[in-house]
Amino acid sequence: MTKKEWLIAAILTLTTIVAWMIFDVLHAGAKVEVSQKVQEIIEPINPNFNTQIFQSQP
């Protein structure tokens, strides 16, 4: 490869790395909003079970 070809390859590599970094920063900064309906659906389940229900049956 000639010096010109190496220079072109280096410029393309540098451009790719810079674009990758910019898109990564933009992606990390993006916020996703969850609607109120979805928020209600994904609410955690209460882990405390009422064990008296099982003990009262014969």
Protein backbone atom coordinates (compact mmCIF):
# COMPACT_ATOMS: atom_id res chain seq x y z
CA MET A 1 0.00 0.00 0.00
CA THR A 2 1.18 3.49 -0.75
CA LYS A 3 1.28 6.36 1.72
CA LYS A 4 -1.90 7.79 0.19
CA GLU A 5 -3.77 4.52 0.72
CA TRP A 6 -2.55 4.34 4.35
CA LEU A 7 -3.72 7.91 4.89
CA ILE A 8 -7.17 7.15 3.49
CA ALA A 9 -7.44 4.02 5.65
CA ALA A 10 -6.38 5.99 8.75
CA ILE A 11 -8.89 8.77 8.06
CA LEU A 12 -11.72 6.29 7.51
CA THR A 13 -10.80 4.43 10.70
CA LEU A 14 -10.66 7.66 12.71
CA THR A 15 -14.00 8.80 11.28
CA THR A 16 -15.58 5.47 12.18
CA ILE A 17 -14.27 5.60 15.76
CA VAL A 18 -15.44 9.19 16.28
CA ALA A 19 -18.90 8.42 14.86
CA TRP A 20 -19.11 5.33 17.06
CA MET A 21 -18.27 7.38 20.16
CA ILE A 22 -20.81 10.10 19.30
CA PHE A 23 -23.61 7.60 18.71
CA ASP A 24 -22.71 5.77 21.94
CA VAL A 25 -22.96 9.00 23.95
CA LEU A 26 -26.27 9.88 22.30
CA HIS A 27 -27.62 6.38 22.95
CA ALA A 28 -26.58 6.49 26.61
CA GLY A 29 -28.27 9.85 27.07
CA ALA A 30 -31.58 8.84 25.50
CA LYS A 31 -34.45 8.47 27.96
CA VAL A 32 -37.38 6.13 27.51
CA GLU A 33 -40.69 7.19 28.99
CA VAL A 34 -43.04 4.52 30.32
CA SER A 35 -46.75 5.26 30.14
CA GLN A 36 -48.90 5.22 33.28
CA LYS A 37 -50.78 2.10 32.11
CA VAL A 38 -47.57 0.13 31.61
CA GLN A 39 -46.25 1.41 34.95
CA GLU A 40 -49.34 -0.05 36.70
CA ILE A 41 -48.95 -3.39 34.92
CA ILE A 42 -45.29 -3.84 35.87
CA GLU A 43 -45.82 -2.96 39.52
CA PRO A 44 -44.11 -5.56 41.75
CA ILE A 45 -46.13 -8.31 43.41
CA ASN A 46 -46.42 -8.28 47.19
CA PRO A 47 -44.17 -11.14 48.44
CA ASN A 48 -46.06 -11.49 51.76
CA PHE A 49 -48.55 -14.33 51.37
CA ASN A 50 -51.55 -14.76 53.62
CA THR A 51 -50.77 -18.21 55.03
CA GLN A 52 -53.92 -18.29 57.18
CA ILE A 53 -55.92 -19.16 54.07
CA PHE A 54 -54.06 -22.47 53.82
CA GLN A 55 -54.39 -23.27 57.55
CA SER A 56 -58.14 -22.64 57.80
CA GLN A 57 -59.13 -25.40 55.39
CA PRO A 58 -59.73 -28.91 56.77
